[in-house]
Structure formats: structure tokens, C-alpha cells
Protein backbone atom coordinates (compact mmCIF):
# COMPACT_ATOMS: atom_id res chain seq x y z
CA MET A 1 19.40 -31.11 31.85
CA THR A 2 18.26 -29.04 34.76
CA GLN A 3 16.46 -30.78 37.34
CA ASP A 4 13.10 -29.59 39.18
CA SER A 5 11.06 -30.56 42.43
CA PHE A 6 7.62 -30.38 42.33
CA ASP A 7 4.73 -32.14 44.66
CA VAL A 8 2.05 -32.08 41.37
CA ILE A 9 2.84 -31.99 37.60
CA VAL A 10 -0.11 -31.68 35.39
CA LEU A 11 1.15 -32.85 31.65
CA GLY A 12 -1.55 -30.55 29.37
CA GLY A 13 -2.68 -27.13 30.24
CA GLY A 14 -6.59 -27.78 28.72
CA PRO A 15 -9.72 -27.55 30.84
CA GLY A 16 -8.62 -30.39 32.78
CA GLY A 17 -5.23 -29.48 33.47
CA TYR A 18 -5.01 -25.95 34.35
CA VAL A 19 -8.43 -26.30 36.66
CA ALA A 20 -6.16 -29.09 38.38
CA ALA A 21 -2.63 -27.34 38.61
CA ILE A 22 -5.12 -23.91 39.82
CA ARG A 23 -6.38 -26.33 42.82
CA ALA A 24 -3.41 -27.73 43.57
CA ALA A 25 -2.02 -24.59 43.85
CA GLN A 26 -4.83 -23.46 46.08
CA LEU A 27 -4.22 -26.63 48.42
CA GLY A 28 -0.27 -25.50 48.94
CA MET A 29 1.47 -27.86 46.64
CA LYS A 30 3.78 -26.88 44.69
CA THR A 31 2.90 -27.05 41.26
CA ALA A 32 4.09 -27.10 37.51
CA VAL A 33 2.34 -27.10 34.14
CA VAL A 34 3.78 -28.26 30.91
CA GLU A 35 1.89 -27.55 27.67
CA ARG A 36 3.34 -28.05 23.94
CA GLU A 37 1.51 -25.55 22.51
CA HIS A 38 -1.61 -23.37 23.47
CA LEU A 39 -2.63 -23.23 27.18
CA GLY A 40 -6.85 -23.55 27.48
CA GLY A 41 -6.42 -26.63 25.15
CA ILE A 42 -8.08 -27.30 22.35
CA CYS A 43 -11.70 -26.54 23.73
CA LEU A 44 -10.54 -23.01 24.56
CA ASN A 45 -8.43 -22.17 21.29
CA TRP A 46 -10.02 -24.83 18.58
CA GLY A 47 -13.06 -26.06 19.85
CA CYS A 48 -15.65 -24.85 22.42
CA ILE A 49 -15.11 -21.35 22.51
CA PRO A 50 -13.87 -20.35 19.00
CA THR A 51 -17.15 -22.39 17.91
CA LYS A 52 -19.12 -20.50 19.57
CA ALA A 53 -18.19 -17.45 18.62
CA LEU A 54 -18.59 -18.44 14.96
CA LEU A 55 -22.18 -19.91 15.96
CA ARG A 56 -23.06 -16.46 17.28
CA SER A 57 -21.99 -14.44 14.30
CA ALA A 58 -23.88 -17.16 12.35
CA GLU A 59 -27.03 -16.74 14.45
CA ILE A 60 -27.09 -12.80 14.26
CA TYR A 61 -27.12 -13.02 10.42
CA HIS A 62 -30.02 -15.20 10.62
CA ASN A 63 -31.61 -12.80 12.94
CA VAL A 64 -30.93 -9.66 10.76
CA GLN A 65 -32.48 -11.58 7.71
CA HIS A 66 -35.30 -11.94 9.61
CA ALA A 67 -35.42 -8.78 11.50
CA GLY A 68 -38.95 -8.04 9.05
CA GLU A 69 -40.77 -10.18 11.89
CA PHE A 70 -39.79 -7.78 14.30
CA GLY A 71 -40.86 -4.60 12.75
CA ILE A 72 -37.05 -3.55 11.89
CA SER A 73 -36.42 -2.64 8.48
CA VAL A 74 -32.94 -4.21 7.33
CA GLN A 75 -31.36 -3.52 3.64
CA GLY A 76 -28.70 -5.61 2.31
CA ALA A 77 -27.39 -7.47 4.90
CA SER A 78 -24.15 -9.48 3.98
CA PHE A 79 -21.28 -10.88 6.09
CA ASP A 80 -17.74 -10.84 5.89
CA LEU A 81 -16.44 -14.30 6.70
CA GLN A 82 -12.67 -13.50 7.47
CA ALA A 83 -13.85 -11.02 9.67
CA ILE A 84 -16.04 -13.85 11.39
CA VAL A 85 -12.88 -16.03 11.48
CA LYS A 86 -10.86 -13.21 12.75
CA ARG A 87 -12.72 -12.82 15.70
CA SER A 88 -13.18 -15.95 16.50
CA ARG A 89 -9.35 -16.38 17.19
CA GLN A 90 -9.23 -13.00 19.12
CA VAL A 91 -11.91 -14.35 21.65
CA ALA A 92 -9.43 -17.99 21.83
CA LYS A 93 -6.88 -15.40 21.95
CA ARG A 94 -7.88 -13.65 24.64
CA LEU A 95 -9.35 -16.51 26.75
CA SER A 96 -5.94 -18.39 26.11
CA GLY A 97 -4.42 -14.95 27.86
CA GLY A 98 -6.67 -15.15 30.45
CA VAL A 99 -5.73 -18.99 31.49
CA ALA A 100 -1.84 -17.47 31.58
CA HIS A 101 -3.01 -14.78 33.96
CA LEU A 102 -4.98 -17.10 36.40
CA LEU A 103 -2.35 -19.68 36.40
CA LYS A 104 0.83 -16.77 37.41
CA LYS A 105 -1.83 -15.10 40.01
CA ASN A 106 -1.88 -19.06 42.10
CA LYS A 107 1.81 -19.42 41.46
CA VAL A 108 1.55 -22.31 39.02
CA THR A 109 5.01 -23.27 37.28
CA VAL A 110 4.33 -23.14 33.21
CA ILE A 111 6.88 -25.29 31.14
CA ASP A 112 6.68 -24.98 27.54
CA GLY A 113 7.35 -28.12 25.66
CA PHE A 114 6.52 -31.65 25.20
CA GLY A 115 6.41 -33.99 28.53
CA GLN A 116 7.23 -37.71 28.56
CA LEU A 117 6.55 -39.76 31.58
CA ALA A 118 10.41 -40.75 32.17
CA GLY A 119 10.50 -43.25 35.22
CA LYS A 120 8.81 -43.11 38.80
CA GLY A 121 7.70 -39.71 39.45
CA ARG A 122 10.05 -37.90 37.05
CA LEU A 123 8.76 -36.21 33.69
CA ARG A 124 11.14 -35.58 30.63
CA VAL A 125 10.18 -32.05 28.83
CA SER A 126 11.51 -31.58 25.63
CA ARG A 127 11.66 -28.84 23.29
CA ASP A 128 12.30 -29.20 19.26
CA GLY A 129 13.00 -32.88 19.65
CA ALA A 130 15.92 -31.86 22.11
CA ALA A 131 15.50 -32.77 26.32
CA GLU A 132 15.89 -29.94 28.14
CA ARG A 133 14.58 -30.70 31.85
CA MET A 134 13.61 -33.46 34.03
CA LEU A 135 10.83 -32.74 36.53
CA THR A 136 10.15 -34.68 39.73
CA ALA A 137 6.84 -35.15 41.54
CA LYS A 138 4.68 -37.99 43.90
CA HIS A 139 1.93 -36.42 41.83
CA ILE A 140 1.63 -36.39 37.54
CA VAL A 141 -1.43 -35.56 36.28
CA LEU A 142 -1.97 -36.60 32.84
CA ALA A 143 -4.16 -34.29 31.18
CA THR A 144 -3.05 -34.32 27.06
CA GLY A 145 -6.98 -34.16 25.62
CA ALA A 146 -7.57 -35.83 22.34
CA ARG A 147 -8.22 -35.48 18.67
CA ALA A 148 -10.21 -36.17 15.86
CA ARG A 149 -10.27 -39.50 14.72
CA SER A 150 -10.23 -40.84 11.63
CA LEU A 151 -10.97 -44.01 9.61
CA PRO A 152 -9.34 -45.54 6.55
CA GLY A 153 -10.29 -43.86 3.60
CA LEU A 154 -11.51 -40.70 5.43
CA GLU A 155 -8.48 -38.84 6.70
CA GLY A 156 -8.31 -34.96 6.61
CA ASP A 157 -5.96 -33.49 4.59
CA GLY A 158 -6.21 -29.92 5.23
CA LYS A 159 -7.70 -28.80 1.72
CA LEU A 160 -11.01 -30.52 0.78
CA VAL A 161 -11.12 -33.13 4.03
CA TRP A 162 -11.64 -30.57 6.97
CA THR A 163 -11.09 -32.09 10.85
CA TYR A 164 -12.43 -28.86 13.33
CA LYS A 165 -9.35 -27.31 12.90
CA GLU A 166 -9.61 -26.21 8.99
CA ALA A 167 -13.59 -26.01 9.36
CA MET A 168 -12.90 -23.29 11.51
CA LEU A 169 -10.24 -21.44 9.39
CA PRO A 170 -11.96 -21.33 5.87
CA ASP A 171 -10.43 -19.03 3.56
CA ALA A 172 -13.90 -18.93 1.57
CA LEU A 173 -17.26 -20.59 2.09
CA PRO A 174 -17.80 -23.81 -0.20
CA LYS A 175 -20.98 -23.65 -2.24
CA SER A 176 -21.89 -27.32 -1.02
CA LEU A 177 -20.47 -29.06 2.22
CA LEU A 178 -20.67 -32.70 3.67
CA VAL A 179 -20.93 -33.31 7.26
CA ILE A 180 -19.62 -36.71 8.36
CA GLY A 181 -20.89 -37.43 11.76
CA SER A 182 -24.18 -36.01 13.42
CA GLY A 183 -23.01 -35.67 16.87
CA ALA A 184 -22.55 -32.30 18.76
CA ILE A 185 -19.02 -31.03 16.47
CA GLY A 186 -20.65 -32.17 13.46
CA ILE A 187 -24.09 -30.52 14.02
CA GLU A 188 -22.71 -27.52 15.05
CA PHE A 189 -20.35 -26.89 11.68
CA ALA A 190 -23.55 -27.98 9.83
CA SER A 191 -25.31 -25.56 11.23
CA PHE A 192 -23.07 -22.82 11.24
CA TYR A 193 -21.84 -23.54 7.29
CA HIS A 194 -25.93 -23.69 6.55
CA THR A 195 -26.76 -20.19 7.65
CA LEU A 196 -24.40 -18.94 6.07
CA GLY A 197 -25.67 -19.92 2.65
CA VAL A 198 -23.85 -23.36 2.48
CA ASP A 199 -25.36 -26.14 0.78
CA VAL A 200 -25.15 -28.79 3.67
CA THR A 201 -25.48 -32.68 3.83
CA VAL A 202 -24.89 -34.57 6.95
CA VAL A 203 -24.05 -38.33 6.64
CA GLU A 204 -24.50 -40.41 9.83
CA VAL A 205 -23.69 -43.87 10.52
CA MET A 206 -26.54 -44.35 13.11
CA ASP A 207 -30.26 -44.68 12.79
CA ARG A 208 -30.93 -40.67 13.81
CA ILE A 209 -28.78 -37.63 14.34
CA LEU A 210 -27.54 -36.88 17.47
CA PRO A 211 -27.67 -40.46 18.65
CA VAL A 212 -26.96 -39.78 22.25
CA GLU A 213 -30.07 -37.83 22.36
CA ASP A 214 -33.23 -38.69 23.98
CA ALA A 215 -35.18 -40.16 20.35
CA GLU A 216 -37.89 -37.70 21.03
CA ILE A 217 -35.45 -34.37 21.20
CA SER A 218 -33.56 -36.33 18.35
CA ALA A 219 -36.60 -36.10 15.65
CA LEU A 220 -37.62 -32.76 16.73
CA ALA A 221 -34.05 -31.59 15.80
CA GLU A 222 -33.78 -33.40 12.37
CA LYS A 223 -37.74 -31.85 11.16
CA ALA A 224 -36.03 -28.70 11.96
CA PHE A 225 -32.79 -28.90 10.15
CA ARG A 226 -35.43 -30.18 6.99
CA LYS A 227 -37.23 -27.79 7.52
CA GLN A 228 -34.42 -24.92 7.01
CA GLY A 229 -33.31 -27.12 3.78
CA MET A 230 -30.29 -29.00 5.30
CA LYS A 231 -29.98 -32.53 3.70
CA ILE A 232 -29.99 -35.61 6.14
CA MET A 233 -29.10 -38.98 5.59
CA THR A 234 -29.18 -41.85 8.34
CA GLY A 235 -28.44 -45.31 8.74
CA ALA A 236 -25.40 -44.37 6.22
CA THR A 237 -22.16 -45.09 5.73
CA VAL A 238 -18.96 -42.89 3.50
CA LYS A 239 -17.70 -45.12 1.99
CA ALA A 240 -15.00 -43.92 -0.24
CA LEU A 241 -13.99 -39.99 -0.94
CA ASP A 242 -12.41 -39.79 -4.14
CA LYS A 243 -10.63 -36.16 -4.40
CA GLY A 244 -10.40 -34.07 -7.37
CA ALA A 245 -9.06 -30.62 -8.14
CA ASP A 246 -11.37 -28.51 -6.10
CA HIS A 247 -14.13 -30.80 -5.39
CA VAL A 248 -14.97 -34.35 -3.40
CA THR A 249 -16.70 -37.12 -4.44
CA ALA A 250 -18.45 -39.42 -1.55
CA ILE A 251 -19.69 -42.81 -2.31
CA VAL A 252 -22.67 -43.10 0.44
CA GLU A 253 -24.11 -46.25 1.15
CA GLY A 254 -27.65 -46.60 2.63
CA LYS A 255 -29.47 -48.72 5.06
CA ASP A 256 -30.80 -50.82 1.82
CA GLY A 257 -27.31 -51.37 0.57
CA LYS A 258 -27.31 -48.98 -2.61
CA SER A 259 -24.50 -46.61 -2.98
CA THR A 260 -25.06 -42.62 -4.44
CA ALA A 261 -22.28 -40.92 -5.35
CA LEU A 262 -22.83 -37.45 -3.62
CA THR A 263 -20.17 -34.50 -5.10
CA VAL A 264 -19.01 -32.06 -3.01
CA ASP A 265 -16.87 -29.12 -2.28
CA ARG A 266 -15.61 -29.71 1.17
CA VAL A 267 -16.28 -32.77 3.96
CA ILE A 268 -15.74 -32.32 7.16
CA LEU A 269 -14.98 -34.86 9.37
CA ALA A 270 -16.92 -35.15 12.60
CA ILE A 271 -16.51 -38.74 13.42
CA GLY A 272 -15.47 -38.72 17.25
CA ILE A 273 -12.12 -38.33 18.58
CA THR A 274 -9.03 -40.69 20.23
CA GLY A 275 -7.38 -39.71 23.19
CA ASN A 276 -3.47 -38.79 22.75
CA VAL A 277 -2.14 -41.36 24.44
CA GLU A 278 1.06 -42.12 21.94
CA ASN A 279 4.75 -40.83 23.36
CA ILE A 280 4.02 -39.62 26.71
CA GLY A 281 5.63 -42.38 28.17
CA LEU A 282 3.14 -44.80 29.09
CA GLU A 283 4.98 -47.92 27.63
CA ASN A 284 7.51 -48.88 30.55
CA THR A 285 4.17 -48.39 32.85
CA ALA A 286 0.97 -49.94 34.24
CA VAL A 287 -1.19 -47.67 33.04
CA GLN A 288 -3.48 -49.53 30.72
CA VAL A 289 -5.15 -48.04 27.82
CA ASP A 290 -8.89 -49.33 26.19
CA ARG A 291 -10.04 -47.74 22.85
CA GLY A 292 -7.45 -44.87 22.77
CA HIS A 293 -8.32 -43.67 26.37
CA VAL A 294 -6.44 -44.04 29.48
CA VAL A 295 -8.18 -46.37 32.11
CA ILE A 296 -9.29 -44.77 35.67
CA ASP A 297 -10.64 -45.57 38.66
CA GLU A 298 -13.30 -43.36 39.85
CA TYR A 299 -10.92 -40.76 41.47
CA CYS A 300 -9.38 -40.27 38.37
CA ARG A 301 -6.05 -42.97 39.38
CA THR A 302 -4.38 -45.10 36.82
CA ALA A 303 -3.10 -48.63 37.46
CA GLU A 304 0.46 -46.70 38.15
CA PRO A 305 1.18 -45.29 41.40
CA GLY A 306 1.37 -41.42 41.45
CA VAL A 307 -0.21 -41.37 37.95
CA TYR A 308 -3.24 -40.23 37.36
CA ALA A 309 -5.21 -39.20 34.21
CA ILE A 310 -8.87 -36.70 33.27
CA GLY A 311 -10.71 -35.23 30.47
CA ASP A 312 -10.92 -36.44 27.40
CA LEU A 313 -7.67 -38.73 27.85
CA ALA A 314 -9.81 -40.75 30.20
CA GLY A 315 -12.87 -41.13 28.11
CA PRO A 316 -16.29 -40.10 27.57
CA PRO A 317 -18.28 -37.96 27.84
CA TRP A 318 -15.83 -35.50 25.78
CA LEU A 319 -16.81 -32.53 27.69
CA ALA A 320 -14.71 -29.26 28.84
CA HIS A 321 -16.96 -29.31 32.18
CA LYS A 322 -16.26 -32.79 32.72
CA ALA A 323 -12.80 -32.64 32.55
CA SER A 324 -12.53 -29.37 34.82
CA HIS A 325 -14.72 -31.21 37.20
CA GLU A 326 -12.57 -34.16 37.21
CA GLY A 327 -9.03 -32.03 37.56
CA ILE A 328 -10.44 -30.99 40.83
CA LEU A 329 -11.88 -33.96 41.62
CA CYS A 330 -8.25 -35.89 41.24
CA ILE A 331 -6.61 -33.12 42.91
CA GLU A 332 -8.37 -32.92 46.38
CA LYS A 333 -8.38 -36.84 46.35
CA ILE A 334 -4.51 -36.24 46.64
CA ALA A 335 -4.79 -34.11 48.64
CA GLY A 336 -6.70 -35.91 51.06
CA VAL A 337 -10.00 -33.30 50.94
CA PRO A 338 -12.57 -35.30 53.23
CA ASP A 339 -16.21 -36.39 52.38
CA LEU A 340 -15.37 -36.60 48.72
CA HIS A 341 -17.65 -38.38 45.84
CA PRO A 342 -16.90 -39.61 42.94
CA MET A 343 -18.27 -37.78 39.99
CA ASP A 344 -21.61 -38.96 39.02
CA THR A 345 -21.96 -38.80 34.88
CA LYS A 346 -25.48 -38.97 34.91
CA ASN A 347 -25.53 -35.15 35.98
CA ILE A 348 -23.03 -33.84 33.79
CA PRO A 349 -25.00 -31.77 31.16
CA GLY A 350 -24.22 -31.92 27.51
CA CYS A 351 -25.33 -29.09 25.14
CA THR A 352 -25.48 -28.35 20.73
CA TYR A 353 -25.34 -24.93 20.10
CA CYS A 354 -27.03 -25.69 16.59
CA MET A 355 -30.33 -23.30 16.06
CA PRO A 356 -32.00 -24.90 17.38
CA GLN A 357 -30.13 -25.46 20.71
CA ILE A 358 -29.89 -29.38 22.08
CA ALA A 359 -29.15 -30.00 25.87
CA SER A 360 -29.95 -32.41 27.84
CA VAL A 361 -28.61 -34.07 31.42
CA GLY A 362 -29.22 -37.44 33.20
CA MET A 363 -30.94 -40.53 31.21
CA THR A 364 -33.23 -40.76 28.03
CA GLU A 365 -36.87 -42.07 27.82
CA GLU A 366 -35.46 -45.40 26.42
CA ALA A 367 -32.45 -45.46 28.97
CA ALA A 368 -34.44 -45.23 32.02
CA LYS A 369 -37.21 -47.75 31.07
CA LYS A 370 -34.06 -49.73 30.14
CA ALA A 371 -32.55 -49.92 33.29
CA GLY A 372 -35.89 -50.64 35.08
CA HIS A 373 -37.29 -47.37 35.75
CA LYS A 374 -41.45 -47.13 35.28
CA VAL A 375 -41.45 -43.88 34.43
CA ARG A 376 -43.50 -40.80 34.30
CA VAL A 377 -43.02 -38.30 31.26
CA GLY A 378 -43.70 -34.57 30.64
CA ARG A 379 -43.56 -32.20 27.88
CA PHE A 380 -44.01 -28.74 27.39
CA PRO A 381 -43.88 -27.21 24.20
CA TYR A 382 -42.12 -23.85 23.28
CA VAL A 383 -45.64 -22.36 21.71
CA GLY A 384 -47.36 -22.62 25.49
CA ASN A 385 -44.91 -19.82 26.54
CA GLY A 386 -45.63 -16.57 27.09
CA LYS A 387 -41.72 -15.11 26.92
CA ALA A 388 -40.72 -17.13 23.91
CA ILE A 389 -43.65 -16.02 21.87
CA ALA A 390 -42.35 -12.73 22.47
CA LEU A 391 -39.33 -13.68 21.78
CA GLY A 392 -40.64 -15.47 18.22
CA GLU A 393 -38.65 -18.30 19.16
CA THR A 394 -41.81 -20.82 19.26
CA GLU A 395 -40.22 -24.26 18.40
CA GLY A 396 -39.21 -26.40 20.66
CA LEU A 397 -39.84 -28.44 23.93
CA ILE A 398 -38.85 -29.32 27.01
CA LYS A 399 -39.14 -32.42 28.27
CA THR A 400 -38.27 -34.40 31.61
CA VAL A 401 -38.01 -37.77 32.88
CA PHE A 402 -39.41 -39.30 36.25
CA ASP A 403 -39.28 -42.37 38.27
CA ALA A 404 -42.68 -42.73 39.29
CA LYS A 405 -42.46 -44.74 42.29
CA THR A 406 -40.10 -42.31 44.11
CA GLY A 407 -40.02 -39.18 42.15
CA GLU A 408 -36.68 -38.76 41.35
CA LEU A 409 -35.54 -36.80 38.55
CA LEU A 410 -34.07 -38.98 35.71
CA GLY A 411 -33.52 -37.05 32.91
CA ALA A 412 -34.16 -34.14 31.21
CA HIS A 413 -34.44 -33.03 27.72
CA MET A 414 -34.55 -29.84 25.14
CA ILE A 415 -34.45 -28.49 22.32
CA GLY A 416 -35.00 -24.68 21.53
CA ALA A 417 -33.95 -21.29 22.25
CA GLU A 418 -31.38 -21.02 24.90
CA VAL A 419 -31.77 -24.76 26.31
CA THR A 420 -28.19 -24.60 26.71
CA GLU A 421 -28.60 -22.00 29.90
CA LEU A 422 -31.89 -23.55 31.19
CA ILE A 423 -30.27 -27.13 31.11
CA GLN A 424 -28.44 -25.54 34.74
CA GLY A 425 -31.57 -25.37 36.71
CA TYR A 426 -32.32 -29.43 35.75
CA THR A 427 -28.53 -30.45 36.39
CA ILE A 428 -28.38 -28.78 40.21
CA ALA A 429 -31.66 -30.59 41.32
CA LYS A 430 -30.34 -33.55 39.82
CA THR A 431 -27.28 -33.00 42.14
CA LEU A 432 -29.46 -31.64 44.99
CA GLU A 433 -30.98 -35.12 44.39
CA THR A 434 -34.09 -33.34 44.10
CA THR A 435 -37.70 -35.16 43.46
CA GLU A 436 -41.26 -33.44 41.62
CA ALA A 437 -42.38 -32.45 44.82
CA GLU A 438 -39.60 -29.68 45.32
CA LEU A 439 -39.35 -28.79 41.73
CA MET A 440 -43.45 -28.42 41.58
CA HIS A 441 -43.01 -26.06 44.77
CA THR A 442 -40.43 -24.05 43.78
CA VAL A 443 -41.71 -20.51 42.22
CA PHE A 444 -40.25 -19.34 38.97
CA ALA A 445 -39.92 -16.27 37.78
CA HIS A 446 -42.90 -14.88 34.94
CA PRO A 447 -42.49 -14.02 32.20
CA THR A 448 -39.50 -16.58 31.05
CA LEU A 449 -38.59 -20.06 29.33
CA SER A 450 -37.93 -20.71 32.41
CA GLU A 451 -41.33 -21.80 33.25
CA MET A 452 -41.69 -24.18 30.36
CA MET A 453 -39.22 -26.25 32.98
CA HIS A 454 -41.77 -26.28 35.62
CA GLU A 455 -44.66 -27.17 33.24
CA SER A 456 -42.82 -30.00 31.89
CA VAL A 457 -42.40 -31.46 35.76
CA LEU A 458 -46.42 -30.02 36.37
CA ASP A 459 -47.08 -32.29 33.02
CA ALA A 460 -45.53 -35.43 34.21
CA TYR A 461 -48.01 -35.77 37.26
CA GLY A 462 -50.80 -34.60 35.15
CA ARG A 463 -51.11 -30.85 36.26
CA ALA A 464 -49.64 -28.69 33.57
CA ILE A 465 -51.72 -25.39 33.40
CA HIS A 466 -50.84 -23.57 30.86
CA PHE A 467 -51.04 -26.30 27.81
């Protein structure tokens, strides 16, 4: 085996890993990234980016179908599923190549292979099961990501029962589809397939869909999905999947204890993820693993000196932007950058790119009350906004939660057109520790959807103008 020495080695080239490597190189450290499959990781190749490409195609098809509402006549609109899938793969490929360019530009060494910790400051790299190189570094950052979780009896088989990978590469559209799990992944796939005409049923074990979102937003989302024709079963558990030649019968137990047999063409599993902690050499280290994820401190340090963990491997929230920020925070701590602050997860936005879109940051109204806050809540509906009416997007709500005593913005929750872009305004406000006073005195451009953000703040204090 050849041996190479670096200041920092990053195991995994996803949105946390490649960003950490670039930042380390910027700070003058000799850096290597070890990646076994695709630069960009799951997010870029099989998650965030290609799913948004699929959803964009579905959105355009939806808009064409409703073109008559805007005075435009379109006859015989149809879609080519394989062309839609091909475009999503091309988008992912283009961005993966872009990551390779960025790493090269920053003089980061990229090593193709499977990495394992092999003693203090050592990482063994193998290809096709054969050890090839031994890398050494004072600092090793684990960024191996996560994979789809399965439960006994609910395992994916790649044909009838899909994980996110198969769901992104369909040979043909199923006529009917069961989505198990109503988090962001499940709801996005449900929205994509339903928009293209598939009969979709969503089963969620909790008492409402999108359970991490504010209850009011979840209720509005469920109402919108049902109105579109999607079937939703909450407080329900899939007990078994009975596979036929080209169909699956799911036994679904409701909250009343009664079971229903539901036969569909395909099933998508969207029941969470678990960290890729296996076979990376953790066994002979002090690294601790809790429920499938590596335990870290506020600066991404594990219990093993010189070993760090970031991104999905290190636990929730399981978001690419959280992984990227952790990567930078971790590297800057290693480099001794002054005045660093630990990441506050309450300032991390979450987005779901279904129709209608959903976005949030900070505490829900219920969580704020449970934390002991006396709250002021503001709301503003899309139907009261001129730009929303002009766009033909009148379904939606902007909700803000403030501490009644201090005016601190505790949380913001949105459903409607383009809220995944709008949420960043509130995220910046939270990061800057803005109160209602600064938000009230901020001038929002007219006519824009963002005016609703202003009006929601005003409403929390009984000062809304336009509703």
C-alpha cells in the first residue's frame, strides 16, 4: 500500500463532506476527500436535486393543464416519463461534475474508494475489497451520510417496493401507489406521482401528515392534498406487504384497531433514514453511536480525539444545508478560527417541495408554548395578497410565532407558492435575533409574495392592514 499524509481527510463527498474539504483547503490545510461512489453524495445524485427536477416537470405539466385559467389555450398536453427521468439524471450529472471542478480548483485531492478508520490518524482506502492506500492525517472528518430505513417486513425489493432510488427511476408509471410515511420525502414523491395521474395513497403512523411541521400547516396541507384527490390515512400502520406478480397488498391497521387490505401496483418506503455507521472502522474507537447516528458535540467532535462527524451521519435535522454548515463549522474549529458559535438548529429552515410548497424555521406554536413562552401568533392568507392573486396562487398561509414578552421571533411556518424561497427572510431574521419591531419597520417590495411575511408579523400585534 502507498501511504499519503494530509492535514485533513474527509470520508464522504456529499454536501457536508465536499464543503468541509473546500473550506479546509481555503484555510491552507492539505486536504483529501475519499468517496466510494458519486461526488455530491445522496443529496445531489439521488435526493434533493434530482427530485426537484422531477417535481419541476410535474409542476409544468400541472400548469399546462390549467393554462385556460390564464387565457391560454393548450391542446393535447401530454408527458414523456422517460424524458422527465432523463432530464433529472442530467441535472444531477451536471452538478456532480461541478463538485469535481470545485474540488480540483481548490487543490483538494480526491481519492476513489471505500475508507475505514485504521488506528489513530489513519484511514485505509480499499477498492473492490482490496486495500490500496493508507492515508494519515491529524484530523479525520466522517461524512458518510445515511440511507433509507427499513422495518421488518417492510423492506424494499427494487421492483414492487421502492426506496427513493427506484422511485426516481420508474420505467413506467404505476396506476396506483402507496407511500408509507408522510415526511418531506414521502410527500414529495406522493405529490410528483399524483400530479402525473397516479392514484396515490399516503399512510402515516402519526395522527397527522408532516408531523414535524406546525399542526395548523399540516392540517392545511392535508386539506389541499385531499382536494387534489390524494388519499391520506393517518394514525395508521402498515402491518404487512403481500407481494403478487405485479402488485402489492398492504395490510393497514387503523387507529381503531381494524385492518384494511389495500392493493396497489407499487409501494414507496419513506419511513426515515439511518446513518452509514457500518464498516467504517468505528469498532476500535471511542466513537459513540446512538440509534444509528454518531454522537458529536457542538463542534462536531466525536469521543475519539481527531475524529469528527457531520451531516446525516451525525443525526437530525437530516438536511443538506445543515450538513454543509456543519462541515464549515467543524473545519473552522479545527483551524482555530476565532469567535465561532455552535450551530443553533432552531435557525435551520426546512422545506418540502410538494404542491403547495411547505417551509418552516424555528419553533411551532405548540413547541413554543410547551417551552414556557407566552406567544403572539400572526397569520396572513395568500388570498389577501395581490401578487398571489395575479399568479393564480390563492391557497396558502404565512404564520409567525413571537414571544409576547420580548418580541423574539420564535418560529415561522408557511404553506403556498414559493414558500421554500420566502422562508430565508425569516431565517435571516432569526439568526440576527430580530424582534417584531425590526420586521415591522422593514419595507417589503410591492407587489410581492413577501409582503405576506410583513402582514403576518403585523397581524401578531393586531396591526394587519390588508386582511
